[in-house]
């Protein structure tokens, strides 16, 4: 069923108060209105795991080529070539293969010593200080250094590049993305780096992209055009920062609220990978993703007409008791392994998922080595008001 305007079951991605804790409403959506329609913003939404999972896999009915964010789809703006999240096969597959060769398991796991070094650089000065901020001191630092190193961005410029990437994805309180009205950024800020790398090649993604040759959708073998290079680097820069930053912030809060489980992690680091999966399930950094509907499709006796927007509520699906049992709203590092949707599924499964998991594991090991106990100071914590990702902009904690 869908709802009428009189119902109090609702979801609004721009409602800052609702998004502080959307899970009670997500539960009601799953049980009372599994197909939801928002009249104000004119979109449909699915909230149950099976529906969201199947919808994300159905790349023909729910396409990405008009954007994966509600306001972008509504704006119907031109999407630059190379924005993988906003592309459909066959072009998506061609572009994805180019980046996939740069995110192989061998290349990712070779990063572990450098990631530990970045963590140590951030955390060592805080030992004995009485506190740390999980976001400012680590979450906003280590992922930035890692992806900056991979891309080939000079260390002195990495913070500015991170802030630039974040600005594109985040929104003002209660407002849609600026790109929906201003057009998508084409990554011109990276032009000077590309020019430098053309004359000074190195072992980084930028150099590989400059030199790679591939067969495009017309059957032509060629190198990437400059505008494609800029877009690729822009996409990797943004995606490489946000998820892990949010993951580290949520780890700080959730483990403070579950000290018994935190102590188990301190005693046995082999539990950390499963704890990372539970954190990703329990607090998805990207709570929803949208698609353009290419044909009439039916759910629960109602028809979603072609040309509409379908929003898949990933954070809701990740807490569906049909998939995760009656304790789905409980954080449990011993939960039986079951697939969550935080990294999506199917065509758009996150290329950087292995890197995010590696960064998350190393970050937790390095934090717990130095700070086995902490209490979060929620009076000074700040939850980001953005509609596109959900997590902390600041999460200070007190340590013994």
Protein backbone atom coordinates (compact mmCIF):
# COMPACT_ATOMS: atom_id res chain seq x y z
CA UNK A 1 0.00 0.00 0.00
CA UNK A 2 0.95 3.66 -0.30
CA UNK A 3 0.02 6.37 2.14
CA UNK A 4 -2.30 9.32 2.17
CA UNK A 5 -1.33 12.82 3.20
CA UNK A 6 -3.12 12.28 6.51
CA UNK A 7 -0.83 9.45 7.59
CA UNK A 8 1.93 10.15 10.10
CA UNK A 9 4.22 7.58 8.48
CA UNK A 10 6.57 9.60 6.32
CA UNK A 11 10.12 9.99 5.09
CA UNK A 12 11.76 13.23 3.99
CA UNK A 13 15.50 13.12 3.18
CA UNK A 14 15.76 16.84 3.94
CA UNK A 15 14.16 16.61 7.41
CA UNK A 16 17.11 17.20 9.73
CA UNK A 17 15.23 16.25 12.90
CA UNK A 18 13.91 13.02 11.42
CA UNK A 19 17.35 12.06 10.14
CA UNK A 20 18.91 12.37 13.58
CA UNK A 21 17.31 9.00 14.26
CA UNK A 22 15.36 7.71 11.25
CA UNK A 23 15.17 4.10 12.41
CA UNK A 24 11.81 4.13 14.26
CA UNK A 25 10.24 5.66 11.14
CA UNK A 26 12.06 3.19 8.90
CA UNK A 27 10.58 0.37 10.95
CA UNK A 28 7.08 1.78 10.47
CA UNK A 29 7.69 2.19 6.74
CA UNK A 30 8.77 -1.45 6.44
CA UNK A 31 5.77 -2.74 8.35
CA UNK A 32 3.00 -0.29 7.44
CA UNK A 33 3.94 1.28 4.08
CA UNK A 34 6.46 -0.94 2.24
CA UNK A 35 5.86 1.14 -0.89
CA UNK A 36 5.87 4.79 0.16
CA UNK A 37 5.08 7.88 -1.89
CA UNK A 38 6.18 11.36 -0.84
CA UNK A 39 3.86 13.94 -2.43
CA UNK A 40 5.94 16.96 -1.42
CA UNK A 41 9.11 15.83 -3.19
CA UNK A 42 7.41 13.45 -5.65
CA UNK A 43 9.30 10.20 -5.14
CA UNK A 44 8.55 6.61 -4.23
CA UNK A 45 10.57 4.63 -1.69
CA UNK A 46 11.18 0.99 -0.82
CA UNK A 47 12.38 0.05 2.64
CA UNK A 48 12.42 -3.75 2.98
CA UNK A 49 15.67 -5.63 2.36
CA UNK A 50 14.33 -7.96 -0.34
CA UNK A 51 12.80 -5.07 -2.30
CA UNK A 52 15.85 -2.83 -2.04
CA UNK A 53 18.24 -5.67 -2.90
CA UNK A 54 16.23 -6.73 -5.97
CA UNK A 55 15.74 -3.13 -7.09
CA UNK A 56 19.44 -2.33 -6.96
CA UNK A 57 20.17 -5.42 -9.05
CA UNK A 58 17.48 -4.57 -11.64
CA UNK A 59 19.60 -2.20 -13.73
CA UNK A 60 17.09 -2.13 -16.59
CA UNK A 61 14.02 -0.99 -14.63
CA UNK A 62 15.91 1.34 -12.28
CA UNK A 63 18.64 3.17 -14.15
CA UNK A 64 21.49 5.33 -12.83
CA UNK A 65 22.21 7.35 -15.94
CA UNK A 66 20.16 10.32 -14.77
CA UNK A 67 21.80 10.37 -11.36
CA UNK A 68 21.54 8.41 -8.12
CA UNK A 69 20.40 11.31 -5.93
CA UNK A 70 16.81 12.56 -5.87
CA UNK A 71 17.49 16.18 -6.71
CA UNK A 72 19.90 15.33 -9.53
CA UNK A 73 17.33 13.10 -11.22
CA UNK A 74 14.66 15.76 -10.82
CA UNK A 75 16.95 18.44 -12.28
CA UNK A 76 17.59 16.31 -15.38
CA UNK A 77 21.06 17.83 -15.83
CA UNK A 78 23.85 16.53 -18.04
CA UNK A 79 26.02 13.96 -16.28
CA UNK A 80 29.73 14.19 -17.21
CA UNK A 81 31.23 11.05 -18.72
CA UNK A 82 33.12 9.04 -16.12
CA UNK A 83 30.83 9.48 -13.09
CA UNK A 84 30.51 5.75 -12.48
CA UNK A 85 27.71 6.03 -9.94
CA UNK A 86 25.59 7.87 -12.49
CA UNK A 87 26.16 5.59 -15.49
CA UNK A 88 24.52 2.50 -16.97
CA UNK A 89 25.95 -0.37 -19.01
CA UNK A 90 27.64 -0.61 -21.44
CA UNK A 91 29.43 2.71 -20.79
CA UNK A 92 29.48 2.07 -17.05
CA UNK A 93 31.13 -1.32 -17.54
CA UNK A 94 33.86 0.15 -19.75
CA UNK A 95 34.65 2.91 -17.28
CA UNK A 96 34.47 0.61 -14.27
CA UNK A 97 37.02 -1.79 -15.76
CA UNK A 98 39.50 1.06 -16.08
CA UNK A 99 39.33 1.82 -12.38
CA UNK A 100 39.00 -1.79 -11.25
CA UNK A 101 42.55 -2.55 -12.39
CA UNK A 102 43.73 0.14 -9.96
CA UNK A 103 41.83 -1.34 -6.99
CA UNK A 104 42.96 -4.97 -7.16
CA UNK A 105 43.25 -6.88 -3.86
CA UNK A 106 47.03 -6.98 -4.21
CA UNK A 107 47.27 -3.21 -4.58
CA UNK A 108 44.83 -2.55 -1.75
CA UNK A 109 46.46 -4.81 0.84
CA UNK A 110 49.90 -3.46 -0.03
CA UNK A 111 48.67 -0.17 1.48
CA UNK A 112 48.44 -1.53 5.04
CA UNK A 113 51.83 -0.20 6.30
CA UNK A 114 51.11 3.30 4.98
CA UNK A 115 47.58 3.33 6.45
CA UNK A 116 49.01 2.34 9.84
CA UNK A 117 51.55 5.11 9.52
CA UNK A 118 48.81 7.65 8.80
CA UNK A 119 46.85 6.42 11.84
CA UNK A 120 49.89 6.61 14.09
CA UNK A 121 50.65 10.13 12.89
CA UNK A 122 47.15 11.20 13.89
CA UNK A 123 46.80 9.27 17.15
CA UNK A 124 50.23 9.25 18.81
CA UNK A 125 50.19 12.97 19.73
CA UNK A 126 46.87 12.44 21.54
CA UNK A 127 48.03 9.69 23.90
CA UNK A 128 47.83 11.03 27.44
CA UNK A 129 45.94 14.16 26.39
CA UNK A 130 42.63 13.04 27.90
CA UNK A 131 40.67 12.91 24.70
CA UNK A 132 40.34 12.73 20.93
CA UNK A 133 37.84 13.63 18.24
CA UNK A 134 37.09 10.54 16.17
CA UNK A 135 36.33 12.64 13.10
CA UNK A 136 38.63 15.66 13.26
CA UNK A 137 41.64 13.76 14.60
CA UNK A 138 41.39 10.55 12.56
CA UNK A 139 38.30 10.13 10.39
CA UNK A 140 39.00 13.28 8.41
CA UNK A 141 42.74 12.62 8.27
CA UNK A 142 43.69 9.02 7.47
CA UNK A 143 41.29 8.43 4.54
CA UNK A 144 42.34 11.77 3.06
CA UNK A 145 46.03 10.82 3.26
CA UNK A 146 45.36 7.37 1.81
CA UNK A 147 43.33 8.42 -1.21
CA UNK A 148 45.59 11.43 -1.76
CA UNK A 149 48.59 9.12 -1.88
CA UNK A 150 46.81 6.75 -4.27
CA UNK A 151 45.82 9.55 -6.61
CA UNK A 152 49.16 11.32 -6.49
CA UNK A 153 48.00 14.55 -4.78
CA UNK A 154 50.86 16.31 -2.94
CA UNK A 155 50.44 16.01 0.81
CA UNK A 156 50.31 19.78 1.35
CA UNK A 157 47.27 19.97 -0.94
CA UNK A 158 45.34 16.95 0.33
CA UNK A 159 43.28 18.78 2.95
CA UNK A 160 42.05 21.36 0.44
CA UNK A 161 41.17 18.59 -2.03
CA UNK A 162 39.26 16.69 0.69
CA UNK A 163 37.26 19.79 1.61
CA UNK A 164 36.52 20.42 -2.06
CA UNK A 165 35.25 16.87 -2.53
CA UNK A 166 33.12 17.02 0.61
CA UNK A 167 31.57 20.31 -0.44
CA UNK A 168 30.23 18.69 -3.61
CA UNK A 169 28.51 15.85 -1.75
CA UNK A 170 27.19 17.63 1.30
CA UNK A 171 24.18 19.89 1.49
CA UNK A 172 23.12 22.77 3.66
CA UNK A 173 20.65 22.00 6.44
CA UNK A 174 17.36 20.90 4.95
CA UNK A 175 18.48 21.76 1.41
CA UNK A 176 19.11 19.74 -1.78
CA UNK A 177 22.51 19.40 -3.45
CA UNK A 178 23.88 22.53 -5.10
CA UNK A 179 24.78 20.48 -8.17
CA UNK A 180 21.08 20.05 -8.89
CA UNK A 181 20.78 23.74 -9.65
CA UNK A 182 24.34 24.69 -10.56
CA UNK A 183 25.28 21.63 -12.63
CA UNK A 184 27.79 18.97 -11.66
CA UNK A 185 31.38 19.95 -11.03
CA UNK A 186 33.72 18.69 -13.73
CA UNK A 187 36.83 18.45 -11.56
CA UNK A 188 38.76 21.37 -13.05
CA UNK A 189 40.60 21.75 -9.74
CA UNK A 190 42.63 18.66 -10.71
CA UNK A 191 43.85 20.12 -14.02
CA UNK A 192 47.19 21.36 -12.68
CA UNK A 193 47.94 17.96 -11.13
CA UNK A 194 47.22 16.19 -14.41
CA UNK A 195 49.52 18.57 -16.27
CA UNK A 196 52.29 17.94 -13.73
CA UNK A 197 51.89 14.16 -13.84
CA UNK A 198 51.99 14.18 -17.65
CA UNK A 199 55.60 15.40 -17.41
CA UNK A 200 56.45 13.71 -14.08
CA UNK A 201 54.92 10.18 -14.08
CA UNK A 202 54.74 8.25 -10.82
CA UNK A 203 53.24 5.09 -9.34
CA UNK A 204 49.76 6.48 -8.75
CA UNK A 205 46.23 6.37 -10.18
CA UNK A 206 46.60 9.70 -11.95
CA UNK A 207 49.60 8.46 -13.94
CA UNK A 208 47.83 5.19 -14.78
CA UNK A 209 44.76 7.03 -16.02
CA UNK A 210 46.89 9.33 -18.14
CA UNK A 211 48.46 6.38 -19.93
CA UNK A 212 45.76 3.71 -20.04
CA UNK A 213 44.36 2.72 -23.43
CA UNK A 214 40.94 1.14 -23.78
CA UNK A 215 38.18 0.31 -26.25
CA UNK A 216 35.30 2.74 -25.83
CA UNK A 217 31.62 2.20 -26.57
CA UNK A 218 32.15 2.98 -30.28
CA UNK A 219 34.83 0.29 -30.65
CA UNK A 220 37.64 2.87 -30.82
CA UNK A 221 40.93 2.23 -28.98
CA UNK A 222 42.06 5.44 -27.33
CA UNK A 223 43.27 7.18 -24.18
CA UNK A 224 41.00 9.12 -21.85
CA UNK A 225 40.15 12.64 -22.92
CA UNK A 226 41.10 15.43 -20.54
CA UNK A 227 37.53 16.01 -19.36
CA UNK A 228 37.18 12.29 -18.65
CA UNK A 229 40.40 12.30 -16.65
CA UNK A 230 39.20 15.20 -14.56
CA UNK A 231 35.89 13.49 -13.85
CA UNK A 232 37.50 10.18 -12.93
CA UNK A 233 39.87 11.79 -10.47
CA UNK A 234 37.07 13.89 -9.03
CA UNK A 235 34.94 10.78 -8.46
CA UNK A 236 37.74 8.77 -6.84
CA UNK A 237 38.72 11.68 -4.61
CA UNK A 238 35.22 12.12 -3.24
CA UNK A 239 34.35 8.46 -2.85
CA UNK A 240 37.68 7.70 -1.20
CA UNK A 241 37.09 10.04 1.71
CA UNK A 242 33.46 9.97 2.76
CA UNK A 243 32.59 6.37 3.65
CA UNK A 244 35.58 5.69 5.89
CA UNK A 245 35.31 9.07 7.61
CA UNK A 246 31.71 8.26 8.53
CA UNK A 247 32.59 4.69 9.52
CA UNK A 248 35.23 5.88 12.00
CA UNK A 249 32.84 8.42 13.48
CA UNK A 250 30.12 5.82 13.99
CA UNK A 251 32.66 3.40 15.49
CA UNK A 252 33.49 5.99 18.13
CA UNK A 253 29.86 6.51 19.10
CA UNK A 254 28.53 2.96 18.86
CA UNK A 255 31.44 1.34 20.71
CA UNK A 256 31.14 3.95 23.48
CA UNK A 257 27.52 2.87 23.86
CA UNK A 258 28.51 -0.82 23.95
CA UNK A 259 31.55 -0.94 26.27
CA UNK A 260 31.28 -4.71 26.81
CA UNK A 261 31.67 -5.35 23.09
CA UNK A 262 34.44 -2.77 22.89
CA UNK A 263 36.35 -4.63 25.61
CA UNK A 264 35.96 -7.87 23.65
CA UNK A 265 37.57 -6.17 20.65
CA UNK A 266 40.44 -4.93 22.81
CA UNK A 267 41.03 -8.49 24.02
CA UNK A 268 40.70 -10.11 20.59
CA UNK A 269 41.53 -8.12 17.46
CA UNK A 270 40.36 -11.02 15.29
CA UNK A 271 36.80 -9.87 16.05
CA UNK A 272 37.38 -6.47 14.44
CA UNK A 273 36.56 -7.41 10.80
CA UNK A 274 33.13 -8.68 11.85
CA UNK A 275 32.66 -5.58 14.02
CA UNK A 276 33.38 -3.41 10.97
CA UNK A 277 30.68 -5.25 9.00
CA UNK A 278 28.22 -4.76 11.84
CA UNK A 279 29.04 -1.05 12.03
CA UNK A 280 28.52 -0.72 8.27
CA UNK A 281 25.17 -2.49 8.58
CA UNK A 282 24.02 -0.70 11.71
CA UNK A 283 24.85 2.85 10.57
CA UNK A 284 25.13 3.06 6.79
CA UNK A 285 27.07 6.22 5.78
CA UNK A 286 24.83 6.62 2.71
CA UNK A 287 21.28 5.93 3.96
CA UNK A 288 19.59 5.92 0.56
CA UNK A 289 20.16 5.90 -3.19
CA UNK A 290 17.75 6.89 -5.96
CA UNK A 291 17.02 5.60 -9.45
CA UNK A 292 14.97 6.73 -12.46
CA UNK A 293 12.12 4.31 -13.26
CA UNK A 294 12.08 3.22 -16.92
CA UNK A 295 8.81 1.24 -16.98
CA UNK A 296 5.66 0.79 -14.95
CA UNK A 297 6.41 -1.52 -12.05
CA UNK A 298 4.12 -2.94 -9.36
CA UNK A 299 4.71 -3.28 -5.62
CA UNK A 300 2.15 -4.33 -3.03
CA UNK A 301 -0.76 -3.90 -5.43
CA UNK A 302 0.27 -0.37 -6.44
CA UNK A 303 1.82 0.77 -9.72
CA UNK A 304 4.88 3.02 -9.85
CA UNK A 305 4.60 4.69 -13.27
CA UNK A 306 7.46 5.05 -15.68
CA UNK A 307 9.31 8.36 -15.33
CA UNK A 308 9.17 8.52 -11.54
CA UNK A 309 12.01 8.40 -9.00
CA UNK A 310 12.46 5.38 -6.76
CA UNK A 311 14.45 5.85 -3.58
CA UNK A 312 15.98 2.72 -2.07
CA UNK A 313 16.29 3.14 1.70
CA UNK A 314 19.51 1.24 2.33
CA UNK A 315 19.71 2.12 6.02
CA UNK A 316 16.21 0.76 6.52
CA UNK A 317 16.90 -2.43 4.56
CA UNK A 318 20.00 -3.01 6.70
CA UNK A 319 17.75 -3.25 9.77
CA UNK A 320 15.00 -5.40 8.30
CA UNK A 321 14.25 -8.28 10.67
CA UNK A 322 13.38 -10.45 7.66
CA UNK A 323 17.07 -10.44 6.76
CA UNK A 324 18.82 -9.90 10.08
CA UNK A 325 16.48 -11.46 12.64
CA UNK A 326 14.49 -10.06 15.54
CA UNK A 327 17.57 -8.29 16.92
CA UNK A 328 18.08 -6.28 13.73
CA UNK A 329 17.92 -2.98 15.66
CA UNK A 330 20.62 -4.20 18.06
CA UNK A 331 24.36 -3.73 17.54
CA UNK A 332 26.08 -7.11 17.86
CA UNK A 333 29.65 -7.81 16.77
CA UNK A 334 28.88 -11.55 16.97
CA UNK A 335 25.99 -11.40 14.53
CA UNK A 336 25.96 -14.20 11.96
CA UNK A 337 27.44 -12.90 8.72
CA UNK A 338 24.72 -11.79 6.31
CA UNK A 339 25.03 -9.48 3.34
CA UNK A 340 24.19 -5.84 4.04
CA UNK A 341 23.62 -3.21 1.35
CA UNK A 342 25.93 -0.44 2.55
CA UNK A 343 28.25 -0.96 -0.43
CA UNK A 344 25.24 -1.55 -2.75
CA UNK A 345 24.93 -4.69 -4.87
CA UNK A 346 25.07 -5.68 -8.52
CA UNK A 347 26.35 -3.32 -11.20
CA UNK A 348 27.20 -0.50 -8.80
CA UNK A 349 28.79 -2.54 -6.02
CA UNK A 350 31.37 -0.19 -4.48
CA UNK A 351 34.80 -0.49 -6.11
CA UNK A 352 36.42 0.89 -2.98
CA UNK A 353 34.75 -1.49 -0.52
CA UNK A 354 37.94 -3.49 0.12
CA UNK A 355 39.86 -0.27 0.80
CA UNK A 356 37.16 1.03 3.16
CA UNK A 357 37.14 -2.25 5.07
CA UNK A 358 40.94 -2.26 5.31
CA UNK A 359 41.02 1.34 6.54
CA UNK A 360 38.25 0.60 9.04
CA UNK A 361 40.03 -2.45 10.45
CA UNK A 362 43.38 -0.71 10.79
CA UNK A 363 41.79 2.38 12.30
CA UNK A 364 40.02 0.29 14.95
CA UNK A 365 43.18 -1.66 15.78
CA UNK A 366 45.24 1.50 16.16
CA UNK A 367 42.57 3.29 18.20
CA UNK A 368 42.04 0.36 20.57
CA UNK A 369 45.78 -0.11 21.08
CA UNK A 370 46.06 3.42 22.41
CA UNK A 371 42.58 4.11 23.78
CA UNK A 372 40.89 0.95 25.08
CA UNK A 373 38.25 3.07 26.83
CA UNK A 374 36.46 6.32 26.03
CA UNK A 375 33.24 8.24 26.61
CA UNK A 376 31.71 10.36 23.88
CA UNK A 377 30.92 13.99 24.66
CA UNK A 378 27.61 14.38 22.82
CA UNK A 379 27.21 17.97 24.04
CA UNK A 380 29.95 18.99 21.58
CA UNK A 381 29.27 16.38 18.90
CA UNK A 382 27.82 17.52 15.57
CA UNK A 383 25.77 15.29 13.28
CA UNK A 384 26.05 16.41 9.67
CA UNK A 385 22.77 17.89 8.37
CA UNK A 386 23.42 16.78 4.79
CA UNK A 387 20.76 14.76 2.96
CA UNK A 388 23.22 12.64 0.95
CA UNK A 389 25.36 11.01 3.65
CA UNK A 390 24.75 10.50 7.35
CA UNK A 391 27.41 10.73 10.02
CA UNK A 392 29.35 12.95 12.35
CA UNK A 393 31.16 16.17 11.52
CA UNK A 394 32.61 16.17 15.05
CA UNK A 395 32.65 13.42 17.68
CA UNK A 396 34.84 14.35 20.68
CA UNK A 397 35.51 11.75 23.34
CA UNK A 398 37.16 11.70 26.77
CA UNK A 399 39.83 9.08 27.47
CA UNK A 400 41.31 7.99 30.81
